[in-house]
C-alpha atoms as a PDB file:
ATOM      1  CA  MET A   1     -37.130 -51.933  59.300  1.00  0.00           C
ATOM      2  CA  ILE A   2     -38.715 -49.555  62.147  1.00  0.00           C
ATOM      3  CA  THR A   3     -37.463 -50.480  65.186  1.00  0.00           C
ATOM      4  CA  ALA A   4     -35.383 -53.805  66.496  1.00  0.00           C
ATOM      5  CA  GLN A   5     -38.661 -55.460  67.173  1.00  0.00           C
ATOM      6  CA  LEU A   6     -40.691 -54.072  64.554  1.00  0.00           C
ATOM      7  CA  THR A   7     -40.638 -54.317  60.788  1.00  0.00           C
ATOM      8  CA  ILE A   8     -42.557 -54.042  57.774  1.00  0.00           C
ATOM      9  CA  PRO A   9     -42.407 -56.250  54.852  1.00  0.00           C
ATOM     10  CA  ASP A  10     -41.772 -54.582  51.528  1.00  0.00           C
ATOM     11  CA  ASN A  11     -45.043 -55.999  50.019  1.00  0.00           C
ATOM     12  CA  GLU A  12     -47.319 -54.339  52.533  1.00  0.00           C
ATOM     13  CA  ILE A  13     -45.774 -51.042  50.609  1.00  0.00           C
ATOM     14  CA  GLU A  14     -47.128 -50.198  47.282  1.00  0.00           C
ATOM     15  CA  LEU A  15     -44.608 -47.681  45.307  1.00  0.00           C
ATOM     16  CA  SER A  16     -45.410 -45.995  42.205  1.00  0.00           C
ATOM     17  CA  ALA A  17     -43.241 -43.770  39.981  1.00  0.00           C
ATOM     18  CA  ILE A  18     -45.576 -40.537  38.795  1.00  0.00           C
ATOM     19  CA  ARG A  19     -44.538 -37.128  37.153  1.00  0.00           C
ATOM     20  CA  ALA A  20     -43.304 -34.902  39.651  1.00  0.00           C
ATOM     21  CA  GLN A  21     -44.683 -31.397  39.542  1.00  0.00           C
ATOM     22  CA  GLY A  22     -43.384 -28.213  39.752  1.00  0.00           C
ATOM     23  CA  ALA A  23     -40.950 -26.635  37.863  1.00  0.00           C
ATOM     24  CA  GLY A  24     -37.530 -28.425  36.561  1.00  0.00           C
ATOM     25  CA  GLY A  25     -37.837 -27.885  32.553  1.00  0.00           C
ATOM     26  CA  GLN A  26     -38.236 -30.249  30.139  1.00  0.00           C
ATOM     27  CA  ASN A  27     -37.197 -33.111  31.982  1.00  0.00           C
ATOM     28  CA  VAL A  28     -40.835 -32.746  34.372  1.00  0.00           C
ATOM     29  CA  ASN A  29     -42.664 -33.345  31.629  1.00  0.00           C
ATOM     30  CA  LYS A  30     -40.163 -36.612  30.626  1.00  0.00           C
ATOM     31  CA  VAL A  31     -39.166 -38.445  33.643  1.00  0.00           C
ATOM     32  CA  SER A  32     -41.451 -40.410  36.720  1.00  0.00           C
ATOM     33  CA  SER A  33     -39.149 -39.066  39.523  1.00  0.00           C
ATOM     34  CA  ALA A  34     -41.856 -38.276  42.025  1.00  0.00           C
ATOM     35  CA  ILE A  35     -42.822 -41.702  44.110  1.00  0.00           C
ATOM     36  CA  HIS A  36     -46.555 -42.181  45.670  1.00  0.00           C
ATOM     37  CA  LEU A  37     -46.685 -44.151  48.355  1.00  0.00           C
ATOM     38  CA  ARG A  38     -49.636 -46.492  49.541  1.00  0.00           C
ATOM     39  CA  PHE A  39     -49.845 -48.043  53.231  1.00  0.00           C
ATOM     40  CA  ASP A  40     -53.025 -49.898  54.476  1.00  0.00           C
ATOM     41  CA  ILE A  41     -52.902 -50.086  57.817  1.00  0.00           C
ATOM     42  CA  LEU A  42     -55.711 -52.613  58.376  1.00  0.00           C
ATOM     43  CA  ALA A  43     -53.922 -55.244  56.191  1.00  0.00           C
ATOM     44  CA  SER A  44     -50.822 -54.625  57.623  1.00  0.00           C
ATOM     45  CA  SER A  45     -48.392 -56.656  60.054  1.00  0.00           C
ATOM     46  CA  LEU A  46     -48.077 -54.087  62.610  1.00  0.00           C
ATOM     47  CA  PRO A  47     -49.168 -54.751  66.079  1.00  0.00           C
ATOM     48  CA  GLU A  48     -52.936 -53.949  66.536  1.00  0.00           C
ATOM     49  CA  GLU A  49     -52.350 -50.975  69.508  1.00  0.00           C
ATOM     50  CA  TYR A  50     -49.939 -49.549  66.524  1.00  0.00           C
ATOM     51  CA  LYS A  51     -52.443 -49.878  64.234  1.00  0.00           C
ATOM     52  CA  GLY A  52     -55.519 -48.461  66.201  1.00  0.00           C
ATOM     53  CA  ARG A  53     -52.988 -45.408  67.202  1.00  0.00           C
ATOM     54  CA  LEU A  54     -52.912 -44.906  63.426  1.00  0.00           C
ATOM     55  CA  LEU A  55     -56.143 -44.531  62.482  1.00  0.00           C
ATOM     56  CA  LYS A  56     -56.919 -42.454  65.627  1.00  0.00           C
ATOM     57  CA  LEU A  57     -54.411 -39.627  64.159  1.00  0.00           C
ATOM     58  CA  HIS A  58     -56.340 -36.933  62.591  1.00  0.00           C
ATOM     59  CA  ASP A  59     -54.033 -36.909  59.788  1.00  0.00           C
ATOM     60  CA  ARG A  60     -54.651 -35.536  56.001  1.00  0.00           C
ATOM     61  CA  ARG A  61     -52.090 -37.793  54.916  1.00  0.00           C
ATOM     62  CA  ILE A  62     -54.418 -40.951  55.934  1.00  0.00           C
ATOM     63  CA  THR A  63     -58.279 -41.647  54.337  1.00  0.00           C
ATOM     64  CA  SER A  64     -60.950 -42.612  55.709  1.00  0.00           C
ATOM     65  CA  ASP A  65     -60.070 -46.163  54.509  1.00  0.00           C
ATOM     66  CA  GLY A  66     -57.387 -46.469  56.163  1.00  0.00           C
ATOM     67  CA  VAL A  67     -54.514 -45.953  53.982  1.00  0.00           C
ATOM     68  CA  ILE A  68     -51.703 -43.859  54.283  1.00  0.00           C
ATOM     69  CA  THR A  69     -50.733 -42.205  51.048  1.00  0.00           C
ATOM     70  CA  LEU A  70     -47.901 -40.221  50.628  1.00  0.00           C
ATOM     71  CA  LYS A  71     -45.859 -38.400  47.706  1.00  0.00           C
ATOM     72  CA  ALA A  72     -42.880 -37.854  47.717  1.00  0.00           C
ATOM     73  CA  GLN A  73     -41.058 -35.686  45.065  1.00  0.00           C
ATOM     74  CA  ARG A  74     -38.401 -33.509  46.690  1.00  0.00           C
ATOM     75  CA  PHE A  75     -35.754 -34.835  45.134  1.00  0.00           C
ATOM     76  CA  ARG A  76     -34.761 -35.078  40.966  1.00  0.00           C
ATOM     77  CA  THR A  77     -33.982 -38.960  41.322  1.00  0.00           C
ATOM     78  CA  GLN A  78     -36.430 -41.867  41.912  1.00  0.00           C
ATOM     79  CA  ASP A  79     -34.227 -43.580  44.104  1.00  0.00           C
ATOM     80  CA  LYS A  80     -33.762 -40.344  46.596  1.00  0.00           C
ATOM     81  CA  ASN A  81     -37.800 -39.906  46.823  1.00  0.00           C
ATOM     82  CA  ARG A  82     -38.251 -43.331  46.959  1.00  0.00           C
ATOM     83  CA  LYS A  83     -36.280 -43.152  49.985  1.00  0.00           C
ATOM     84  CA  ASP A  84     -37.552 -40.063  51.191  1.00  0.00           C
ATOM     85  CA  ALA A  85     -40.850 -41.574  51.005  1.00  0.00           C
ATOM     86  CA  ILE A  86     -40.094 -44.728  53.139  1.00  0.00           C
ATOM     87  CA  GLU A  87     -38.202 -42.499  55.626  1.00  0.00           C
ATOM     88  CA  ARG A  88     -41.714 -40.284  55.620  1.00  0.00           C
ATOM     89  CA  LEU A  89     -44.176 -43.381  56.780  1.00  0.00           C
ATOM     90  CA  THR A  90     -41.437 -44.909  59.425  1.00  0.00           C
ATOM     91  CA  ALA A  91     -41.601 -41.795  61.206  1.00  0.00           C
ATOM     92  CA  LEU A  92     -45.400 -41.473  60.946  1.00  0.00           C
ATOM     93  CA  ILE A  93     -45.324 -44.926  62.542  1.00  0.00           C
ATOM     94  CA  LEU A  94     -42.542 -44.359  65.541  1.00  0.00           C
ATOM     95  CA  SER A  95     -44.862 -41.468  66.429  1.00  0.00           C
ATOM     96  CA  VAL A  96     -47.485 -43.590  67.468  1.00  0.00           C
ATOM     97  CA  SER A  97     -45.239 -46.291  68.997  1.00  0.00           C
ATOM     98  CA  ILE A  98     -44.943 -44.246  72.348  1.00  0.00           C
ATOM     99  CA  GLU A  99     -47.892 -44.455  74.373  1.00  0.00           C
ATOM    100  CA  PRO A 100     -49.268 -41.078  75.028  1.00  0.00           C
ATOM    101  CA  LYS A 101     -49.640 -40.724  79.016  1.00  0.00           C
ATOM    102  CA  LEU A 102     -53.127 -40.053  80.390  1.00  0.00           C
ATOM    103  CA  ARG A 103     -53.815 -36.896  82.204  1.00  0.00           C
ATOM    104  CA  VAL A 104     -54.606 -37.218  85.804  1.00  0.00           C
ATOM    105  CA  PRO A 105     -56.945 -34.195  86.827  1.00  0.00           C
ATOM    106  CA  THR A 106     -55.219 -32.071  89.658  1.00  0.00           C
ATOM    107  CA  ARG A 107     -57.271 -29.127  91.458  1.00  0.00           C
ATOM    108  CA  PRO A 108     -55.366 -26.064  93.119  1.00  0.00           C
ATOM    109  CA  SER A 109     -54.580 -26.238  96.955  1.00  0.00           C
ATOM    110  CA  ARG A 110     -56.467 -24.108  99.569  1.00  0.00           C
ATOM    111  CA  ASN A 111     -52.922 -21.931  99.646  1.00  0.00           C
ATOM    112  CA  ALA A 112     -52.594 -21.755  95.950  1.00  0.00           C
ATOM    113  CA  LYS A 113     -56.100 -20.130  96.038  1.00  0.00           C
ATOM    114  CA  ARG A 114     -55.652 -18.109  98.400  1.00  0.00           C
ATOM    115  CA  LYS A 115     -52.675 -16.583  97.130  1.00  0.00           C
ATOM    116  CA  ARG A 116     -54.217 -16.309  93.734  1.00  0.00           C
ATOM    117  CA  MET A 117     -56.902 -13.502  95.268  1.00  0.00           C
ATOM    118  CA  GLU A 118     -54.039 -11.942  97.612  1.00  0.00           C
ATOM    119  CA  GLN A 119     -52.498 -11.246  94.099  1.00  0.00           C
ATOM    120  CA  LYS A 120     -56.205 -10.284  92.894  1.00  0.00           C
ATOM    121  CA  THR A 121     -56.109  -8.009  95.311  1.00  0.00           C
ATOM    122  CA  LEU A 122     -52.843  -6.081  95.290  1.00  0.00           C
ATOM    123  CA  HIS A 123     -53.317  -5.972  91.754  1.00  0.00           C
ATOM    124  CA  ALA A 124     -56.626  -3.835  92.429  1.00  0.00           C
ATOM    125  CA  LEU A 125     -55.138  -2.002  94.577  1.00  0.00           C
ATOM    126  CA  VAL A 126     -52.146  -0.622  92.075  1.00  0.00           C
ATOM    127  CA  LYS A 127     -54.803  -0.009  89.740  1.00  0.00           C
ATOM    128  CA  SER A 128     -56.992   1.953  91.611  1.00  0.00           C
ATOM    129  CA  ALA A 129     -53.860   3.953  92.712  1.00  0.00           C
ATOM    130  CA  ARG A 130     -53.555   5.114  89.068  1.00  0.00           C
ATOM    131  CA  ARG A 131     -56.880   6.233  88.732  1.00  0.00           C
ATOM    132  CA  LYS A 132     -57.343  10.325  88.698  1.00  0.00           C
ATOM    133  CA  VAL A 133     -57.951  11.848  92.129  1.00  0.00           C
ATOM    134  CA  THR A 134     -61.396  13.302  92.150  1.00  0.00           C
ATOM    135  CA  ALA A 135     -62.145  16.321  94.827  1.00  0.00           C
ATOM    136  CA  TYR A 136     -64.910  16.468  96.892  1.00  0.00           C
END
């Protein structure tokens, strides 16, 4: 469940257990505690606007085919890594749930331009007063 109105069925999320990388002694060679999550955006039941925003994201976790791949190996147990992977998927989908506001281009007012030019003139006077005094 992502929000009160939006849920993802379990059959759309593909979870597989793999061996974790890094330090961990002999246990890391025997136990498949890391989780590899795959979620196909195009084949999912997400609303079309969510799909579009997810596909527009420039995120390395989203392949060119529109599949989100996450690897969770932060914890030592498979169960915790499974929860972590699902939470990260939920966070990614929630990040596109808010529609971005369109930027309305604006221009500086005449008064703002005038003030800027006055500040530049004052600054130039201060800097010119710092120069060496030359005798004529």
